[in-house]
């Protein structure tokens, strides 16, 4: 066999390497176009080919930034539809009639966070690991969390605790109501995680304390206590779910800018009690440490090893059950 000159072998190898580097560079540049900056790249998204998914009367326009994914797109579409269905069950419908959903392939095997915008129409960007499998997506909470954001008007930054706290609180409940999680799983998670939202030294209330714990779990604590109080004051007829459906019914979604007072008063009006406005008046400007131990006892939830045990004879056991029961549309 005739030998190939060494210089040709080297040149060929260099050419292949250059092509691979060029391809990788194009993918990096393309990905950065969809990931850089704090804003949703609406213009870039609109240039992508899209697949439209119809869910609960809404259309989700799904676009993929350049890059390979291990999963077939049909599996990703199934996951998006299941997640949207959970949000639709909680709110009675999907929060917006049209949603842009940008999937950006990144390194890894899970969803690497998410961001939601509304200034040019509701839009979500989700960086997803290229190696993600069906089980990775099934365990994911991020997409439902981001979809919940679309159901609340855009608020001033100092009230991000309400936007983030509501998404933290609603996401697992919506998934239980849709049959994707069990009530036992989420009450165990609440027992473990809700203390992260309690005020620490130097706290100045939810409106004035920009820490991770207070923004996410402090907001979730607010939602939990509001939910229980609404149910107590309405004989368990209404809860936070009904209050937030009222905001959505009044036209309040992420494409609108509302002051927090309007959000809370609209929610209160929907359930006929002033729980949210009053609780914000108490928790917004000063640190309040609620009695979590007493709440868990009254709801009938307690840790038993690495699991949770329910006490159905507890005074608020019916409220605990109602929080995770699916409501009619």
Protein backbone atom coordinates (compact mmCIF):
# COMPACT_ATOMS: atom_id res chain seq x y z
CA UNK A 1 0.00 0.00 0.00
CA UNK A 2 1.35 3.39 -0.95
CA UNK A 3 2.22 5.47 2.10
CA UNK A 4 0.71 8.92 2.59
CA UNK A 5 3.28 11.68 3.08
CA UNK A 6 3.54 12.79 6.69
CA UNK A 7 2.85 16.42 5.85
CA UNK A 8 -0.48 15.41 4.27
CA UNK A 9 -1.47 13.47 7.39
CA UNK A 10 -0.64 16.47 9.55
CA UNK A 11 -2.43 18.86 7.23
CA UNK A 12 -5.49 16.61 7.16
CA UNK A 13 -5.54 16.35 10.94
CA UNK A 14 -5.22 20.12 11.23
CA UNK A 15 -8.09 20.60 8.80
CA UNK A 16 -10.36 18.25 10.76
CA UNK A 17 -9.39 19.99 14.01
CA UNK A 18 -10.09 23.38 12.47
CA UNK A 19 -13.50 22.23 11.27
CA UNK A 20 -14.38 20.83 14.71
CA UNK A 21 -13.16 23.98 16.44
CA UNK A 22 -15.13 26.06 13.97
CA UNK A 23 -18.30 24.08 14.61
CA UNK A 24 -17.80 24.32 18.37
CA UNK A 25 -17.08 28.05 18.05
CA UNK A 26 -20.29 28.56 16.06
CA UNK A 27 -22.26 26.73 18.74
CA UNK A 28 -20.64 28.84 21.50
CA UNK A 29 -21.39 32.05 19.60
CA UNK A 30 -24.93 30.92 18.90
CA UNK A 31 -25.48 29.88 22.50
CA UNK A 32 -24.07 33.16 23.83
CA UNK A 33 -26.53 35.02 21.64
CA UNK A 34 -29.31 33.31 23.60
CA UNK A 35 -27.67 33.40 27.04
CA UNK A 36 -25.85 36.71 27.38
CA UNK A 37 -27.34 39.71 29.13
CA UNK A 38 -30.26 39.95 31.51
CA UNK A 39 -32.98 40.28 28.88
CA UNK A 40 -34.81 37.65 26.90
CA UNK A 41 -33.36 37.56 23.35
CA UNK A 42 -36.75 38.02 21.69
CA UNK A 43 -35.34 38.94 18.29
CA UNK A 44 -32.98 35.97 18.25
CA UNK A 45 -35.76 33.66 19.41
CA UNK A 46 -38.06 34.84 16.64
CA UNK A 47 -35.49 33.76 14.04
CA UNK A 48 -35.55 30.16 15.26
CA UNK A 49 -37.77 27.43 13.84
CA UNK A 50 -40.50 26.73 16.39
CA UNK A 51 -42.95 24.03 17.34
CA UNK A 52 -46.33 25.16 18.70
CA UNK A 53 -47.85 23.19 21.56
CA UNK A 54 -51.51 23.74 22.46
CA UNK A 55 -52.10 23.41 26.20
CA UNK A 56 -55.30 24.34 28.05
CA UNK A 57 -56.31 26.93 25.46
CA UNK A 58 -52.83 28.47 25.28
CA UNK A 59 -50.09 28.14 22.68
CA UNK A 60 -46.51 27.52 23.76
CA UNK A 61 -44.03 28.38 21.01
CA UNK A 62 -40.97 26.20 21.63
CA UNK A 63 -37.66 27.10 20.04
CA UNK A 64 -34.29 25.37 20.43
CA UNK A 65 -31.01 27.27 20.38
CA UNK A 66 -28.26 25.52 18.36
CA UNK A 67 -26.81 22.41 20.03
CA UNK A 68 -27.43 18.71 20.33
CA UNK A 69 -29.70 17.10 22.92
CA UNK A 70 -29.62 13.43 23.96
CA UNK A 71 -33.41 13.26 24.18
CA UNK A 72 -35.64 13.34 21.10
CA UNK A 73 -37.59 16.57 20.90
CA UNK A 74 -40.88 14.68 21.30
CA UNK A 75 -39.84 13.66 24.83
CA UNK A 76 -39.04 17.27 25.67
CA UNK A 77 -42.39 18.39 24.26
CA UNK A 78 -44.15 15.79 26.43
CA UNK A 79 -42.40 17.18 29.52
CA UNK A 80 -43.38 20.75 28.61
CA UNK A 81 -47.02 19.74 28.16
CA UNK A 82 -47.12 17.85 31.49
CA UNK A 83 -45.62 20.87 33.26
CA UNK A 84 -48.02 23.32 31.62
CA UNK A 85 -50.94 21.08 32.56
CA UNK A 86 -49.94 21.23 36.25
CA UNK A 87 -49.90 25.05 36.16
CA UNK A 88 -53.24 25.07 34.32
CA UNK A 89 -54.83 22.85 36.97
CA UNK A 90 -53.71 25.18 39.77
CA UNK A 91 -54.87 28.39 38.06
CA UNK A 92 -57.90 26.98 36.25
CA UNK A 93 -56.23 27.79 32.91
CA UNK A 94 -52.78 28.51 31.60
CA UNK A 95 -51.83 32.01 32.80
CA UNK A 96 -51.13 33.53 29.36
CA UNK A 97 -52.59 32.81 25.93
CA UNK A 98 -49.18 32.72 24.26
CA UNK A 99 -45.76 31.84 25.66
CA UNK A 100 -42.34 31.81 24.02
CA UNK A 101 -40.23 29.00 25.48
CA UNK A 102 -36.54 29.00 24.57
CA UNK A 103 -34.56 25.79 25.19
CA UNK A 104 -30.77 26.34 25.29
CA UNK A 105 -28.59 23.18 25.28
CA UNK A 106 -25.76 23.43 27.83
CA UNK A 107 -23.34 21.05 29.51
CA UNK A 108 -24.73 18.58 32.04
CA UNK A 109 -27.79 16.43 32.55
CA UNK A 110 -30.37 18.66 34.20
CA UNK A 111 -32.21 21.95 33.87
CA UNK A 112 -29.67 24.64 34.79
CA UNK A 113 -32.06 27.33 36.02
CA UNK A 114 -34.60 29.47 34.21
CA UNK A 115 -35.72 33.06 33.71
CA UNK A 116 -39.11 34.55 32.85
CA UNK A 117 -39.87 37.86 31.14
CA UNK A 118 -43.02 39.67 30.06
CA UNK A 119 -42.02 43.04 28.58
CA UNK A 120 -42.49 41.86 24.97
CA UNK A 121 -44.91 39.06 25.72
CA UNK A 122 -44.51 36.17 28.15
CA UNK A 123 -41.24 34.33 27.57
CA UNK A 124 -39.14 31.76 29.42
CA UNK A 125 -35.53 30.73 28.80
CA UNK A 126 -34.44 27.30 30.06
CA UNK A 127 -30.81 26.13 29.79
CA UNK A 128 -31.04 22.32 29.72
CA UNK A 129 -28.17 19.84 29.94
CA UNK A 130 -27.51 18.10 26.66
CA UNK A 131 -27.35 14.74 28.46
CA UNK A 132 -30.67 15.13 30.29
CA UNK A 133 -32.84 12.02 30.23
CA UNK A 134 -36.55 11.45 30.79
CA UNK A 135 -36.05 10.88 34.54
CA UNK A 136 -33.99 14.08 34.85
CA UNK A 137 -36.83 16.10 33.36
CA UNK A 138 -39.47 14.27 35.41
CA UNK A 139 -37.65 15.28 38.61
CA UNK A 140 -37.24 18.89 37.47
CA UNK A 141 -39.09 21.67 39.27
CA UNK A 142 -37.69 24.67 37.38
CA UNK A 143 -40.05 24.74 34.40
CA UNK A 144 -43.20 24.75 36.56
CA UNK A 145 -41.63 27.40 38.83
CA UNK A 146 -41.00 29.62 35.80
CA UNK A 147 -44.48 29.03 34.37
CA UNK A 148 -45.99 30.10 37.71
CA UNK A 149 -44.17 33.43 37.30
CA UNK A 150 -46.29 34.12 34.21
CA UNK A 151 -49.41 34.24 36.44
CA UNK A 152 -48.28 37.23 38.51
CA UNK A 153 -47.92 40.85 37.36
CA UNK A 154 -44.39 42.21 37.20
CA UNK A 155 -43.54 43.86 40.52
CA UNK A 156 -40.92 46.32 41.70
CA UNK A 157 -37.65 44.58 42.59
CA UNK A 158 -38.13 45.07 46.33
CA UNK A 159 -41.16 42.77 46.14
CA UNK A 160 -39.34 39.95 44.36
CA UNK A 161 -39.99 37.88 47.50
CA UNK A 162 -43.66 37.64 46.50
CA UNK A 163 -42.91 36.60 42.92
CA UNK A 164 -40.25 34.06 43.91
CA UNK A 165 -41.98 32.92 47.09
CA UNK A 166 -45.24 32.30 45.27
CA UNK A 167 -43.44 30.25 42.61
CA UNK A 168 -41.62 28.22 45.30
CA UNK A 169 -44.90 27.56 47.14
CA UNK A 170 -47.22 26.92 44.18
CA UNK A 171 -44.90 24.74 42.07
CA UNK A 172 -45.01 21.58 44.22
CA UNK A 173 -48.70 22.01 45.07
CA UNK A 174 -49.55 22.29 41.38
CA UNK A 175 -47.59 19.12 40.68
CA UNK A 176 -49.42 17.25 43.46
CA UNK A 177 -52.77 18.40 42.10
CA UNK A 178 -51.72 17.13 38.68
CA UNK A 179 -50.65 13.76 40.11
CA UNK A 180 -46.94 14.31 39.42
CA UNK A 181 -45.90 14.39 43.12
CA UNK A 182 -47.41 13.11 46.35
CA UNK A 183 -48.63 15.25 49.22
CA UNK A 184 -46.26 13.39 51.53
CA UNK A 185 -43.28 14.44 49.39
CA UNK A 186 -44.05 18.13 49.49
CA UNK A 187 -44.96 18.36 53.18
CA UNK A 188 -41.64 16.67 53.94
CA UNK A 189 -39.91 19.29 51.79
CA UNK A 190 -41.77 22.11 53.57
CA UNK A 191 -40.76 20.80 56.98
CA UNK A 192 -37.16 20.74 55.82
CA UNK A 193 -36.99 23.98 53.84
CA UNK A 194 -39.45 26.52 55.24
CA UNK A 195 -37.11 27.45 58.15
CA UNK A 196 -34.69 28.85 55.53
CA UNK A 197 -37.11 31.75 55.15
CA UNK A 198 -37.11 32.86 58.79
CA UNK A 199 -35.56 36.29 59.52
CA UNK A 200 -31.93 36.40 60.59
CA UNK A 201 -29.91 39.07 62.41
CA UNK A 202 -30.22 42.46 60.71
CA UNK A 203 -33.45 41.58 58.93
CA UNK A 204 -35.69 44.55 58.05
CA UNK A 205 -38.76 42.74 56.78
CA UNK A 206 -39.52 41.07 53.47
CA UNK A 207 -39.63 44.34 51.52
CA UNK A 208 -36.20 45.45 52.71
CA UNK A 209 -34.12 42.27 53.06
CA UNK A 210 -32.61 41.10 49.79
CA UNK A 211 -31.19 37.74 50.81
CA UNK A 212 -31.65 34.40 49.07
CA UNK A 213 -33.40 32.82 52.04
CA UNK A 214 -35.87 35.63 52.56
CA UNK A 215 -36.56 36.18 48.86
CA UNK A 216 -37.39 32.55 48.11
CA UNK A 217 -38.30 30.82 51.34
CA UNK A 218 -39.42 33.94 53.22
CA UNK A 219 -41.85 34.56 50.39
CA UNK A 220 -42.94 30.92 50.49
CA UNK A 221 -43.53 31.21 54.25
CA UNK A 222 -45.71 34.24 53.60
CA UNK A 223 -47.74 32.22 51.08
CA UNK A 224 -48.13 29.23 53.40
CA UNK A 225 -49.35 31.34 56.33
CA UNK A 226 -51.64 33.33 54.02
CA UNK A 227 -53.08 30.12 52.58
CA UNK A 228 -53.82 28.69 56.01
CA UNK A 229 -55.29 31.97 57.30
CA UNK A 230 -57.57 32.42 54.25
CA UNK A 231 -58.87 28.89 54.76
CA UNK A 232 -59.41 29.43 58.48
CA UNK A 233 -61.33 32.66 57.88
CA UNK A 234 -63.49 31.24 55.08
CA UNK A 235 -64.27 27.90 56.71
CA UNK A 236 -61.87 26.18 54.28
CA UNK A 237 -64.02 27.32 51.35
CA UNK A 238 -61.23 29.37 49.76
CA UNK A 239 -57.44 29.41 49.85
CA UNK A 240 -54.48 31.14 48.27
CA UNK A 241 -55.22 29.26 45.06
CA UNK A 242 -58.56 31.06 44.75
CA UNK A 243 -56.97 34.38 45.62
CA UNK A 244 -54.35 34.05 42.89
CA UNK A 245 -56.94 32.86 40.38
CA UNK A 246 -58.71 36.12 41.18
CA UNK A 247 -55.61 38.13 40.23
CA UNK A 248 -55.39 36.26 36.93
CA UNK A 249 -59.12 36.72 36.25
CA UNK A 250 -58.67 40.48 36.76
CA UNK A 251 -56.07 40.58 34.00
CA UNK A 252 -53.00 40.34 36.19
CA UNK A 253 -50.27 38.30 34.52
CA UNK A 254 -46.54 38.76 33.91
CA UNK A 255 -47.13 40.90 30.84
CA UNK A 256 -48.57 43.64 33.11
CA UNK A 257 -46.90 45.93 35.66
CA UNK A 258 -48.92 46.27 38.86
CA UNK A 259 -48.07 47.80 42.23
CA UNK A 260 -48.03 45.22 45.01
CA UNK A 261 -51.00 46.88 46.74
CA UNK A 262 -53.16 46.19 43.68
CA UNK A 263 -52.05 42.55 43.52
CA UNK A 264 -52.81 41.93 47.18
CA UNK A 265 -56.11 43.81 47.26
CA UNK A 266 -57.29 42.04 44.09
CA UNK A 267 -56.39 38.68 45.62
CA UNK A 268 -58.16 39.57 48.88
CA UNK A 269 -61.28 40.65 47.00
CA UNK A 270 -61.43 37.28 45.23
CA UNK A 271 -61.72 35.42 48.56
CA UNK A 272 -63.62 38.06 50.55
CA UNK A 273 -61.07 38.47 53.36
CA UNK A 274 -58.15 40.91 53.75
CA UNK A 275 -55.53 38.33 54.68
CA UNK A 276 -52.82 39.15 52.12
CA UNK A 277 -52.93 42.92 52.57
CA UNK A 278 -52.92 42.61 56.35
CA UNK A 279 -50.11 40.03 56.40
CA UNK A 280 -47.97 42.21 54.14
CA UNK A 281 -48.57 45.10 56.52
CA UNK A 282 -47.16 42.94 59.33
CA UNK A 283 -44.29 41.16 57.53
CA UNK A 284 -43.25 43.67 54.86
CA UNK A 285 -41.39 46.30 56.87
CA UNK A 286 -40.21 44.43 59.96
CA UNK A 287 -38.91 40.96 60.84
CA UNK A 288 -41.61 38.55 61.97
CA UNK A 289 -40.76 35.04 63.16
CA UNK A 290 -43.92 32.94 62.91
CA UNK A 291 -44.39 29.88 65.11
CA UNK A 292 -43.65 27.14 62.61
CA UNK A 293 -43.70 24.39 65.24
CA UNK A 294 -47.26 25.32 66.21
CA UNK A 295 -48.32 25.45 62.55
CA UNK A 296 -46.94 21.99 61.82
CA UNK A 297 -48.66 20.63 64.92
CA UNK A 298 -52.01 22.17 64.00
CA UNK A 299 -51.75 20.95 60.39
CA UNK A 300 -50.87 17.48 61.62
CA UNK A 301 -47.46 17.05 59.99
CA UNK A 302 -44.37 15.81 61.80
CA UNK A 303 -41.06 14.25 60.90
CA UNK A 304 -40.78 10.52 61.43
CA UNK A 305 -37.19 9.54 60.65
CA UNK A 306 -36.63 10.53 57.04
CA UNK A 307 -40.32 10.61 56.21
CA UNK A 308 -43.35 12.61 57.31
CA UNK A 309 -46.28 11.39 59.37
CA UNK A 310 -49.78 12.84 59.10
CA UNK A 311 -52.10 13.30 62.08
CA UNK A 312 -55.64 13.51 60.69
CA UNK A 313 -57.02 14.36 64.13
CA UNK A 314 -55.07 17.66 64.21
CA UNK A 315 -57.24 20.82 64.29
CA UNK A 316 -56.15 22.00 60.81
CA UNK A 317 -55.80 18.59 59.16
CA UNK A 318 -58.68 19.34 56.80
CA UNK A 319 -56.92 22.53 55.70
CA UNK A 320 -53.71 20.61 55.08
CA UNK A 321 -55.61 18.15 52.87
CA UNK A 322 -57.46 20.91 51.02
CA UNK A 323 -54.24 22.76 50.08
CA UNK A 324 -53.13 19.89 47.85
CA UNK A 325 -56.53 18.81 46.51
CA UNK A 326 -57.22 19.75 42.90
CA UNK A 327 -59.92 22.40 42.51
CA UNK A 328 -62.48 22.45 39.75
CA UNK A 329 -61.70 24.88 36.95
